[in-house]
Amino acid sequence: MANLDAVYNLVKLTVSGTYGASDTSIIANSVPSALSGGGWNATWWNSTDYPDPSNDPNAEIVRVTAVSGSTLTIMRGAESATGGGAASTKNTANKTYTLMLGITAKMITDIGSNLQKPWRLVNVSGTINGSNTTFTISPAPFDPNSIHLRLNYQEQEQGIDYTISGTTISYIVPPSASLSGLPHVAQYQ
């Protein structure tokens, strides 16, 4: 799963000073403590002339990588490939520049990447003969911790009865030959 960005509602910061397109350290007003570690994207634009950042031709998405007091370390043009705007100067006299934490393409992509996948019910392949400990499921589970393995309708416990690596299930103790032909199934995401 992807690492998710820091989140907080209703964050709009006024940026002090003027900046060129290559500046990576900016000063902003009060940053909420929940965001003090960095690790979030924000829209930066001329809010004097453009109350709506999508109308500012020089708006950009920046990645805030660190926060020290009111100083933010940023990566410029962070989402330019998805319409987030390239790095640009923010130095027009008598204009207010604002940094706003809001939904960006990266945030939506991160959410999609972290949604649980649908459950699958599959047979486990391998011979139950009293000595075989290795069995296979396919495809590999999205989250190995989500697997529910049953042998003869009995739930098997990961770490106690078996371990899993990719598509390989390894039983700690071989299943008894008396279980041959009985249901051996996995349900997982």
C-alpha atoms as a PDB file:
ATOM      1  CA  MET A   1       0.000   0.000   0.000  1.00  0.00           C
ATOM      2  CA  ALA A   2       1.138   3.505  -0.682  1.00  0.00           C
ATOM      3  CA  ASN A   3       2.092   5.844   2.125  1.00  0.00           C
ATOM      4  CA  LEU A   4      -0.712   8.310   2.595  1.00  0.00           C
ATOM      5  CA  ASP A   5      -0.160  12.050   2.925  1.00  0.00           C
ATOM      6  CA  ALA A   6      -0.818  13.996   6.092  1.00  0.00           C
ATOM      7  CA  VAL A   7      -4.355  15.378   6.082  1.00  0.00           C
ATOM      8  CA  TYR A   8      -6.188  18.220   7.780  1.00  0.00           C
ATOM      9  CA  ASN A   9      -9.363  20.143   6.930  1.00  0.00           C
ATOM     10  CA  LEU A  10      -9.705  23.820   6.023  1.00  0.00           C
ATOM     11  CA  VAL A  11      -6.014  24.696   5.684  1.00  0.00           C
ATOM     12  CA  LYS A  12      -5.260  27.893   3.811  1.00  0.00           C
ATOM     13  CA  LEU A  13      -1.939  29.604   4.494  1.00  0.00           C
ATOM     14  CA  THR A  14      -0.767  33.040   3.399  1.00  0.00           C
ATOM     15  CA  VAL A  15       2.765  32.940   2.014  1.00  0.00           C
ATOM     16  CA  SER A  16       5.061  35.818   3.020  1.00  0.00           C
ATOM     17  CA  GLY A  17       7.687  37.210   0.643  1.00  0.00           C
ATOM     18  CA  THR A  18       8.322  36.746  -3.042  1.00  0.00           C
ATOM     19  CA  TYR A  19       9.717  33.654  -4.700  1.00  0.00           C
ATOM     20  CA  GLY A  20      11.294  32.585  -7.947  1.00  0.00           C
ATOM     21  CA  ALA A  21      10.449  29.365  -9.789  1.00  0.00           C
ATOM     22  CA  SER A  22      13.402  27.497  -8.255  1.00  0.00           C
ATOM     23  CA  ASP A  23      12.945  28.528  -4.595  1.00  0.00           C
ATOM     24  CA  THR A  24      12.351  25.525  -2.337  1.00  0.00           C
ATOM     25  CA  SER A  25      11.967  27.209   1.043  1.00  0.00           C
ATOM     26  CA  ILE A  26       8.996  29.497   1.756  1.00  0.00           C
ATOM     27  CA  ILE A  27       7.551  31.285   4.776  1.00  0.00           C
ATOM     28  CA  ALA A  28       3.843  30.828   5.589  1.00  0.00           C
ATOM     29  CA  ASN A  29       1.560  31.854   8.422  1.00  0.00           C
ATOM     30  CA  SER A  30       0.571  29.407  11.152  1.00  0.00           C
ATOM     31  CA  VAL A  31       0.813  25.749  10.066  1.00  0.00           C
ATOM     32  CA  PRO A  32      -1.451  23.307  11.979  1.00  0.00           C
ATOM     33  CA  SER A  33       0.595  21.007  14.199  1.00  0.00           C
ATOM     34  CA  ALA A  34      -0.958  17.960  12.467  1.00  0.00           C
ATOM     35  CA  LEU A  35       0.964  18.988   9.330  1.00  0.00           C
ATOM     36  CA  SER A  36       4.224  19.930  11.034  1.00  0.00           C
ATOM     37  CA  GLY A  37       6.091  16.882   9.739  1.00  0.00           C
ATOM     38  CA  GLY A  38       5.477  17.675   6.074  1.00  0.00           C
ATOM     39  CA  GLY A  39       4.470  14.977   3.610  1.00  0.00           C
ATOM     40  CA  TRP A  40       1.555  16.702   1.889  1.00  0.00           C
ATOM     41  CA  ASN A  41       0.719  18.487  -1.366  1.00  0.00           C
ATOM     42  CA  ALA A  42      -0.833  21.947  -1.596  1.00  0.00           C
ATOM     43  CA  THR A  43      -1.977  24.386  -4.275  1.00  0.00           C
ATOM     44  CA  TRP A  44      -0.009  27.672  -4.419  1.00  0.00           C
ATOM     45  CA  TRP A  45      -1.495  30.613  -6.320  1.00  0.00           C
ATOM     46  CA  ASN A  46      -2.098  34.378  -6.587  1.00  0.00           C
ATOM     47  CA  SER A  47      -5.271  34.688  -4.507  1.00  0.00           C
ATOM     48  CA  THR A  48      -5.538  38.465  -4.991  1.00  0.00           C
ATOM     49  CA  ASP A  49      -6.305  38.240  -8.705  1.00  0.00           C
ATOM     50  CA  TYR A  50      -7.687  34.693  -8.740  1.00  0.00           C
ATOM     51  CA  PRO A  51     -10.031  33.731  -5.880  1.00  0.00           C
ATOM     52  CA  ASP A  52     -10.310  30.359  -7.651  1.00  0.00           C
ATOM     53  CA  PRO A  53      -6.832  28.806  -8.033  1.00  0.00           C
ATOM     54  CA  SER A  54      -7.871  26.948 -11.176  1.00  0.00           C
ATOM     55  CA  ASN A  55      -8.100  30.327 -12.954  1.00  0.00           C
ATOM     56  CA  ASP A  56      -4.503  31.357 -12.139  1.00  0.00           C
ATOM     57  CA  PRO A  57      -2.308  30.384 -15.129  1.00  0.00           C
ATOM     58  CA  ASN A  58       0.691  30.262 -12.748  1.00  0.00           C
ATOM     59  CA  ALA A  59      -0.896  28.145 -10.011  1.00  0.00           C
ATOM     60  CA  GLU A  60       1.056  25.052  -9.083  1.00  0.00           C
ATOM     61  CA  ILE A  61       0.906  22.067  -6.796  1.00  0.00           C
ATOM     62  CA  VAL A  62       3.891  21.896  -4.439  1.00  0.00           C
ATOM     63  CA  ARG A  63       4.980  19.033  -2.202  1.00  0.00           C
ATOM     64  CA  VAL A  64       5.655  20.146   1.359  1.00  0.00           C
ATOM     65  CA  THR A  65       8.475  17.854   2.492  1.00  0.00           C
ATOM     66  CA  ALA A  66       9.328  19.483   5.833  1.00  0.00           C
ATOM     67  CA  VAL A  67       8.031  22.170   8.185  1.00  0.00           C
ATOM     68  CA  SER A  68      10.128  24.077  10.709  1.00  0.00           C
ATOM     69  CA  GLY A  69       8.057  26.697  12.497  1.00  0.00           C
ATOM     70  CA  SER A  70       6.640  28.808   9.680  1.00  0.00           C
ATOM     71  CA  THR A  71       9.277  27.718   7.120  1.00  0.00           C
ATOM     72  CA  LEU A  72       8.162  25.104   4.630  1.00  0.00           C
ATOM     73  CA  THR A  73      10.550  23.107   2.470  1.00  0.00           C
ATOM     74  CA  ILE A  74       8.841  22.350  -0.831  1.00  0.00           C
ATOM     75  CA  MET A  75       9.304  20.472  -4.074  1.00  0.00           C
ATOM     76  CA  ARG A  76       8.134  22.667  -6.949  1.00  0.00           C
ATOM     77  CA  GLY A  77       5.662  21.622  -9.686  1.00  0.00           C
ATOM     78  CA  ALA A  78       4.947  18.391  -7.801  1.00  0.00           C
ATOM     79  CA  GLU A  79       1.943  17.346  -9.884  1.00  0.00           C
ATOM     80  CA  SER A  80       2.652  19.099 -13.166  1.00  0.00           C
ATOM     81  CA  ALA A  81       2.227  15.805 -15.065  1.00  0.00           C
ATOM     82  CA  THR A  82      -1.427  15.663 -13.936  1.00  0.00           C
ATOM     83  CA  GLY A  83      -2.311  19.319 -14.550  1.00  0.00           C
ATOM     84  CA  GLY A  84      -0.843  20.698 -11.324  1.00  0.00           C
ATOM     85  CA  GLY A  85       1.125  23.447 -13.073  1.00  0.00           C
ATOM     86  CA  ALA A  86       4.855  23.853 -13.485  1.00  0.00           C
ATOM     87  CA  ALA A  87       7.020  25.787 -11.045  1.00  0.00           C
ATOM     88  CA  SER A  88       6.526  29.521 -11.575  1.00  0.00           C
ATOM     89  CA  THR A  89       7.490  32.829  -9.962  1.00  0.00           C
ATOM     90  CA  LYS A  90       5.330  34.139  -7.159  1.00  0.00           C
ATOM     91  CA  ASN A  91       6.640  37.686  -6.930  1.00  0.00           C
ATOM     92  CA  THR A  92       4.092  40.179  -8.281  1.00  0.00           C
ATOM     93  CA  ALA A  93       4.131  43.264  -6.026  1.00  0.00           C
ATOM     94  CA  ASN A  94       1.123  43.903  -3.775  1.00  0.00           C
ATOM     95  CA  LYS A  95      -0.381  40.456  -4.425  1.00  0.00           C
ATOM     96  CA  THR A  96      -1.266  37.822  -1.843  1.00  0.00           C
ATOM     97  CA  TYR A  97      -0.108  34.297  -2.547  1.00  0.00           C
ATOM     98  CA  THR A  98      -1.942  31.493  -0.820  1.00  0.00           C
ATOM     99  CA  LEU A  99      -1.052  27.872  -0.129  1.00  0.00           C
ATOM    100  CA  MET A 100      -4.079  25.603   0.286  1.00  0.00           C
ATOM    101  CA  LEU A 101      -4.239  21.962   1.345  1.00  0.00           C
ATOM    102  CA  GLY A 102      -7.032  20.434  -0.715  1.00  0.00           C
ATOM    103  CA  ILE A 103      -7.798  17.478  -2.921  1.00  0.00           C
ATOM    104  CA  THR A 104      -5.234  16.911  -5.663  1.00  0.00           C
ATOM    105  CA  ALA A 105      -4.792  14.203  -8.301  1.00  0.00           C
ATOM    106  CA  LYS A 106      -2.190  12.505  -6.069  1.00  0.00           C
ATOM    107  CA  MET A 107      -4.651  12.319  -3.188  1.00  0.00           C
ATOM    108  CA  ILE A 108      -7.313  10.657  -5.374  1.00  0.00           C
ATOM    109  CA  THR A 109      -4.734   8.226  -6.799  1.00  0.00           C
ATOM    110  CA  ASP A 110      -3.538   7.356  -3.276  1.00  0.00           C
ATOM    111  CA  ILE A 111      -7.101   6.666  -2.165  1.00  0.00           C
ATOM    112  CA  GLY A 112      -7.713   4.406  -5.176  1.00  0.00           C
ATOM    113  CA  SER A 113      -4.483   2.523  -4.541  1.00  0.00           C
ATOM    114  CA  ASN A 114      -5.452   1.851  -0.935  1.00  0.00           C
ATOM    115  CA  LEU A 115      -9.000   0.642  -1.424  1.00  0.00           C
ATOM    116  CA  GLN A 116      -9.540  -2.957  -0.502  1.00  0.00           C
ATOM    117  CA  LYS A 117      -9.794  -5.283  -3.441  1.00  0.00           C
ATOM    118  CA  PRO A 118     -12.815  -7.601  -3.851  1.00  0.00           C
ATOM    119  CA  TRP A 119     -12.752 -10.928  -2.030  1.00  0.00           C
ATOM    120  CA  ARG A 120     -11.781 -14.003  -4.070  1.00  0.00           C
ATOM    121  CA  LEU A 121     -12.571 -17.586  -3.230  1.00  0.00           C
ATOM    122  CA  VAL A 122     -10.050 -19.992  -4.788  1.00  0.00           C
ATOM    123  CA  ASN A 123      -9.022 -23.596  -4.448  1.00  0.00           C
ATOM    124  CA  VAL A 124      -5.631 -24.315  -3.002  1.00  0.00           C
ATOM    125  CA  SER A 125      -3.523 -26.590  -5.211  1.00  0.00           C
ATOM    126  CA  GLY A 126      -1.119 -29.199  -3.898  1.00  0.00           C
ATOM    127  CA  THR A 127      -1.254 -32.788  -2.740  1.00  0.00           C
ATOM    128  CA  ILE A 128      -2.501 -33.595   0.733  1.00  0.00           C
ATOM    129  CA  ASN A 129      -0.607 -36.786   1.584  1.00  0.00           C
ATOM    130  CA  GLY A 130       0.592 -36.401   5.169  1.00  0.00           C
ATOM    131  CA  SER A 131       4.073 -35.173   4.202  1.00  0.00           C
ATOM    132  CA  ASN A 132       3.552 -32.270   1.735  1.00  0.00           C
ATOM    133  CA  THR A 133       3.712 -28.832   3.391  1.00  0.00           C
ATOM    134  CA  THR A 134       3.756 -26.585   0.290  1.00  0.00           C
ATOM    135  CA  PHE A 135       0.580 -25.486  -1.506  1.00  0.00           C
ATOM    136  CA  THR A 136      -0.211 -22.782  -4.080  1.00  0.00           C
ATOM    137  CA  ILE A 137      -2.928 -20.180  -4.598  1.00  0.00           C
ATOM    138  CA  SER A 138      -3.207 -17.947  -7.631  1.00  0.00           C
ATOM    139  CA  PRO A 139      -3.197 -15.020  -8.102  1.00  0.00           C
ATOM    140  CA  ALA A 140      -1.273 -13.635  -5.127  1.00  0.00           C
ATOM    141  CA  PRO A 141      -3.449 -11.883  -2.528  1.00  0.00           C
ATOM    142  CA  PHE A 142      -3.456  -8.075  -2.589  1.00  0.00           C
ATOM    143  CA  ASP A 143      -2.874  -8.147   1.167  1.00  0.00           C
ATOM    144  CA  PRO A 144      -1.382 -11.427   2.505  1.00  0.00           C
ATOM    145  CA  ASN A 145      -2.806 -10.602   5.940  1.00  0.00           C
ATOM    146  CA  SER A 146      -6.326 -10.751   4.497  1.00  0.00           C
ATOM    147  CA  ILE A 147      -6.181 -14.455   3.649  1.00  0.00           C
ATOM    148  CA  HIS A 148      -8.703 -16.871   5.209  1.00  0.00           C
ATOM    149  CA  LEU A 149      -7.530 -20.423   4.634  1.00  0.00           C
ATOM    150  CA  ARG A 150      -9.789 -23.396   5.330  1.00  0.00           C
ATOM    151  CA  LEU A 151      -9.017 -27.088   5.262  1.00  0.00           C
ATOM    152  CA  ASN A 152     -12.028 -29.402   5.616  1.00  0.00           C
ATOM    153  CA  TYR A 153     -14.091 -26.312   6.561  1.00  0.00           C
ATOM    154  CA  GLN A 154     -11.744 -25.567   9.471  1.00  0.00           C
ATOM    155  CA  GLU A 155     -10.136 -22.122   9.601  1.00  0.00           C
ATOM    156  CA  GLN A 156      -6.328 -22.276   9.553  1.00  0.00           C
ATOM    157  CA  GLU A 157      -4.366 -19.623  11.479  1.00  0.00           C
ATOM    158  CA  GLN A 158      -1.578 -17.739   9.707  1.00  0.00           C
ATOM    159  CA  GLY A 159       1.656 -17.959  11.703  1.00  0.00           C
ATOM    160  CA  ILE A 160       0.344 -20.919  13.698  1.00  0.00           C
ATOM    161  CA  ASP A 161      -0.818 -23.397  11.037  1.00  0.00           C
ATOM    162  CA  TYR A 162       0.876 -21.883   7.970  1.00  0.00           C
ATOM    163  CA  THR A 163       2.910 -19.029   6.517  1.00  0.00           C
ATOM    164  CA  ILE A 164       2.429 -17.352   3.145  1.00  0.00           C
ATOM    165  CA  SER A 165       4.880 -15.836   0.691  1.00  0.00           C
ATOM    166  CA  GLY A 166       3.482 -14.571  -2.620  1.00  0.00           C
ATOM    167  CA  THR A 167       1.345 -17.476  -3.877  1.00  0.00           C
ATOM    168  CA  THR A 168       3.024 -20.168  -1.736  1.00  0.00           C
ATOM    169  CA  ILE A 169       1.360 -21.457   1.414  1.00  0.00           C
ATOM    170  CA  SER A 170       3.678 -23.444   3.694  1.00  0.00           C
ATOM    171  CA  TYR A 171       2.074 -25.448   6.460  1.00  0.00           C
ATOM    172  CA  ILE A 172       4.047 -25.714   9.706  1.00  0.00           C
ATOM    173  CA  VAL A 173       2.854 -29.336  10.101  1.00  0.00           C
ATOM    174  CA  PRO A 174       1.825 -31.290   6.970  1.00  0.00           C
ATOM    175  CA  PRO A 175      -1.957 -31.750   6.697  1.00  0.00           C
ATOM    176  CA  SER A 176      -2.987 -35.305   7.522  1.00  0.00           C
ATOM    177  CA  ALA A 177      -3.424 -37.727   4.587  1.00  0.00           C
ATOM    178  CA  SER A 178      -6.946 -38.379   5.971  1.00  0.00           C
ATOM    179  CA  LEU A 179      -7.900 -34.866   4.708  1.00  0.00           C
ATOM    180  CA  SER A 180      -7.092 -35.721   1.070  1.00  0.00           C
ATOM    181  CA  GLY A 181     -10.005 -34.864  -1.211  1.00  0.00           C
ATOM    182  CA  LEU A 182     -11.726 -32.653   1.348  1.00  0.00           C
ATOM    183  CA  PRO A 183     -12.245 -28.911   0.682  1.00  0.00           C
ATOM    184  CA  HIS A 184      -9.043 -26.868   0.785  1.00  0.00           C
ATOM    185  CA  VAL A 185      -9.885 -23.256  -0.093  1.00  0.00           C
ATOM    186  CA  ALA A 186      -8.623 -19.723   0.406  1.00  0.00           C
ATOM    187  CA  GLN A 187     -10.553 -16.483   0.468  1.00  0.00           C
ATOM    188  CA  TYR A 188      -8.534 -13.301   0.178  1.00  0.00           C
ATOM    189  CA  GLN A 189      -8.269  -9.804  -1.181  1.00  0.00           C
END
